[in-house]
Amino acid sequence: MSKYIQKNGRQQKIKKNFQPFSAELRHLIHRKHHLWNHWMSSRQESVHREYKVTQKKVKKETAKLLQREQQRISAECKENPKLFWQYVNKKTNLIQRWVL
């Protein structure tokens, strides 16, 4: 029976094209989470306004990051069509995560 039990635990897959966030974006996300928790506990309007400003900044920066990634892929699509089709397949193939 013990030969069927995995002993080394779960191994994480390492993404090949993982582009980590910049330090500024990580700081903004951390700040947004902090402000959300602070607003939930205090319910101060000033904290909520600051949270909304930070939320919009995070949204804007992530959209810029996505746009830069798409521009990079489109610029390299002639030399590296595999990268282009990986991106297309990643966006078009749906994985059903919720089982009813």
C-alpha atoms as a PDB file:
ATOM      1  CA  MET A   1       0.000   0.000   0.000  1.00  0.00           C
ATOM      2  CA  SER A   2       2.822   2.421   0.827  1.00  0.00           C
ATOM      3  CA  LYS A   3       4.220   2.232  -2.704  1.00  0.00           C
ATOM      4  CA  TYR A   4       1.139   4.144  -3.955  1.00  0.00           C
ATOM      5  CA  ILE A   5       1.485   7.017  -1.496  1.00  0.00           C
ATOM      6  CA  GLN A   6       3.513   9.974  -2.646  1.00  0.00           C
ATOM      7  CA  LYS A   7       6.337  10.695  -0.214  1.00  0.00           C
ATOM      8  CA  ASN A   8       7.893  13.920  -1.460  1.00  0.00           C
ATOM      9  CA  GLY A   9       4.828  16.134  -1.203  1.00  0.00           C
ATOM     10  CA  ARG A  10       3.420  18.374  -3.873  1.00  0.00           C
ATOM     11  CA  GLN A  11       5.760  20.010  -6.316  1.00  0.00           C
ATOM     12  CA  GLN A  12       4.905  23.429  -7.666  1.00  0.00           C
ATOM     13  CA  LYS A  13       5.028  24.085 -11.366  1.00  0.00           C
ATOM     14  CA  ILE A  14       7.359  26.893 -12.337  1.00  0.00           C
ATOM     15  CA  LYS A  15       5.923  29.102 -15.023  1.00  0.00           C
ATOM     16  CA  LYS A  16       8.318  29.627 -17.918  1.00  0.00           C
ATOM     17  CA  ASN A  17       7.241  33.131 -18.886  1.00  0.00           C
ATOM     18  CA  PHE A  18       6.401  34.456 -15.430  1.00  0.00           C
ATOM     19  CA  GLN A  19       6.886  38.213 -15.311  1.00  0.00           C
ATOM     20  CA  PRO A  20       6.905  39.346 -11.699  1.00  0.00           C
ATOM     21  CA  PHE A  21       5.415  42.668 -10.781  1.00  0.00           C
ATOM     22  CA  SER A  22       7.680  45.634 -10.350  1.00  0.00           C
ATOM     23  CA  ALA A  23       8.536  46.703  -6.824  1.00  0.00           C
ATOM     24  CA  GLU A  24       6.328  49.763  -7.215  1.00  0.00           C
ATOM     25  CA  LEU A  25       3.315  47.675  -8.202  1.00  0.00           C
ATOM     26  CA  ARG A  26       3.880  45.217  -5.349  1.00  0.00           C
ATOM     27  CA  HIS A  27       4.051  48.180  -2.958  1.00  0.00           C
ATOM     28  CA  LEU A  28       0.778  49.580  -4.357  1.00  0.00           C
ATOM     29  CA  ILE A  29      -0.986  46.237  -3.973  1.00  0.00           C
ATOM     30  CA  HIS A  30       0.295  45.877  -0.416  1.00  0.00           C
ATOM     31  CA  ARG A  31      -0.849  49.436   0.342  1.00  0.00           C
ATOM     32  CA  LYS A  32      -4.284  48.729  -1.128  1.00  0.00           C
ATOM     33  CA  HIS A  33      -4.733  45.632   1.051  1.00  0.00           C
ATOM     34  CA  HIS A  34      -3.607  47.554   4.116  1.00  0.00           C
ATOM     35  CA  LEU A  35      -6.033  50.381   3.377  1.00  0.00           C
ATOM     36  CA  TRP A  36      -8.888  47.930   2.821  1.00  0.00           C
ATOM     37  CA  ASN A  37      -8.314  46.300   6.210  1.00  0.00           C
ATOM     38  CA  HIS A  38      -7.992  49.708   7.851  1.00  0.00           C
ATOM     39  CA  TRP A  39     -11.224  50.906   6.248  1.00  0.00           C
ATOM     40  CA  MET A  40     -13.122  47.752   7.235  1.00  0.00           C
ATOM     41  CA  SER A  41     -12.154  48.243  10.850  1.00  0.00           C
ATOM     42  CA  SER A  42     -12.559  52.034  11.093  1.00  0.00           C
ATOM     43  CA  ARG A  43     -15.134  52.925   8.391  1.00  0.00           C
ATOM     44  CA  GLN A  44     -13.614  56.379   8.041  1.00  0.00           C
ATOM     45  CA  GLU A  45     -14.494  58.164   4.812  1.00  0.00           C
ATOM     46  CA  SER A  46     -10.984  59.569   4.387  1.00  0.00           C
ATOM     47  CA  VAL A  47      -9.491  56.066   4.495  1.00  0.00           C
ATOM     48  CA  HIS A  48     -12.058  54.897   1.954  1.00  0.00           C
ATOM     49  CA  ARG A  49     -11.170  57.723  -0.428  1.00  0.00           C
ATOM     50  CA  GLU A  50      -7.482  56.905  -0.123  1.00  0.00           C
ATOM     51  CA  TYR A  51      -8.274  53.224  -0.748  1.00  0.00           C
ATOM     52  CA  LYS A  52     -10.229  54.083  -3.920  1.00  0.00           C
ATOM     53  CA  VAL A  53      -7.349  56.230  -5.243  1.00  0.00           C
ATOM     54  CA  THR A  54      -4.881  53.408  -4.604  1.00  0.00           C
ATOM     55  CA  GLN A  55      -7.265  50.873  -6.158  1.00  0.00           C
ATOM     56  CA  LYS A  56      -7.432  52.938  -9.353  1.00  0.00           C
ATOM     57  CA  LYS A  57      -3.628  53.228  -9.447  1.00  0.00           C
ATOM     58  CA  VAL A  58      -3.260  49.449  -9.121  1.00  0.00           C
ATOM     59  CA  LYS A  59      -5.795  48.887 -11.877  1.00  0.00           C
ATOM     60  CA  LYS A  60      -4.019  51.359 -14.156  1.00  0.00           C
ATOM     61  CA  GLU A  61      -0.577  49.842 -13.526  1.00  0.00           C
ATOM     62  CA  THR A  62      -1.748  46.266 -14.089  1.00  0.00           C
ATOM     63  CA  ALA A  63      -3.424  47.320 -17.340  1.00  0.00           C
ATOM     64  CA  LYS A  64      -0.145  48.936 -18.429  1.00  0.00           C
ATOM     65  CA  LEU A  65       1.741  45.749 -17.538  1.00  0.00           C
ATOM     66  CA  LEU A  66      -0.693  43.628 -19.547  1.00  0.00           C
ATOM     67  CA  GLN A  67      -0.468  45.996 -22.512  1.00  0.00           C
ATOM     68  CA  ARG A  68       3.346  45.909 -22.432  1.00  0.00           C
ATOM     69  CA  GLU A  69       3.277  42.113 -22.341  1.00  0.00           C
ATOM     70  CA  GLN A  70       0.901  41.982 -25.314  1.00  0.00           C
ATOM     71  CA  GLN A  71       3.070  44.439 -27.270  1.00  0.00           C
ATOM     72  CA  ARG A  72       6.156  42.312 -26.537  1.00  0.00           C
ATOM     73  CA  ILE A  73       4.418  39.182 -27.786  1.00  0.00           C
ATOM     74  CA  SER A  74       3.146  40.905 -30.921  1.00  0.00           C
ATOM     75  CA  ALA A  75       6.608  42.318 -31.667  1.00  0.00           C
ATOM     76  CA  GLU A  76       8.161  38.854 -31.357  1.00  0.00           C
ATOM     77  CA  CYS A  77       5.420  36.904 -33.166  1.00  0.00           C
ATOM     78  CA  LYS A  78       7.370  36.610 -36.446  1.00  0.00           C
ATOM     79  CA  GLU A  79      10.549  35.340 -34.777  1.00  0.00           C
ATOM     80  CA  ASN A  80       8.778  33.315 -32.075  1.00  0.00           C
ATOM     81  CA  PRO A  81       5.319  32.146 -33.233  1.00  0.00           C
ATOM     82  CA  LYS A  82       5.205  29.527 -30.487  1.00  0.00           C
ATOM     83  CA  LEU A  83       5.037  32.257 -27.826  1.00  0.00           C
ATOM     84  CA  PHE A  84       2.198  33.935 -29.724  1.00  0.00           C
ATOM     85  CA  TRP A  85       0.161  30.732 -30.009  1.00  0.00           C
ATOM     86  CA  GLN A  86       0.791  29.860 -26.374  1.00  0.00           C
ATOM     87  CA  TYR A  87      -0.689  33.228 -25.421  1.00  0.00           C
ATOM     88  CA  VAL A  88      -3.663  32.748 -27.770  1.00  0.00           C
ATOM     89  CA  ASN A  89      -4.366  29.257 -26.454  1.00  0.00           C
ATOM     90  CA  LYS A  90      -4.019  30.432 -22.871  1.00  0.00           C
ATOM     91  CA  LYS A  91      -6.673  33.087 -23.482  1.00  0.00           C
ATOM     92  CA  THR A  92      -9.069  31.016 -25.580  1.00  0.00           C
ATOM     93  CA  ASN A  93      -9.014  27.609 -23.889  1.00  0.00           C
ATOM     94  CA  LEU A  94     -11.248  27.736 -20.849  1.00  0.00           C
ATOM     95  CA  ILE A  95     -10.582  25.565 -17.843  1.00  0.00           C
ATOM     96  CA  GLN A  96     -13.699  24.741 -15.889  1.00  0.00           C
ATOM     97  CA  ARG A  97     -12.787  25.289 -12.282  1.00  0.00           C
ATOM     98  CA  TRP A  98     -16.238  25.066 -10.715  1.00  0.00           C
ATOM     99  CA  VAL A  99     -17.941  21.714 -10.592  1.00  0.00           C
ATOM    100  CA  LEU A 100     -21.682  21.825 -10.193  1.00  0.00           C
END
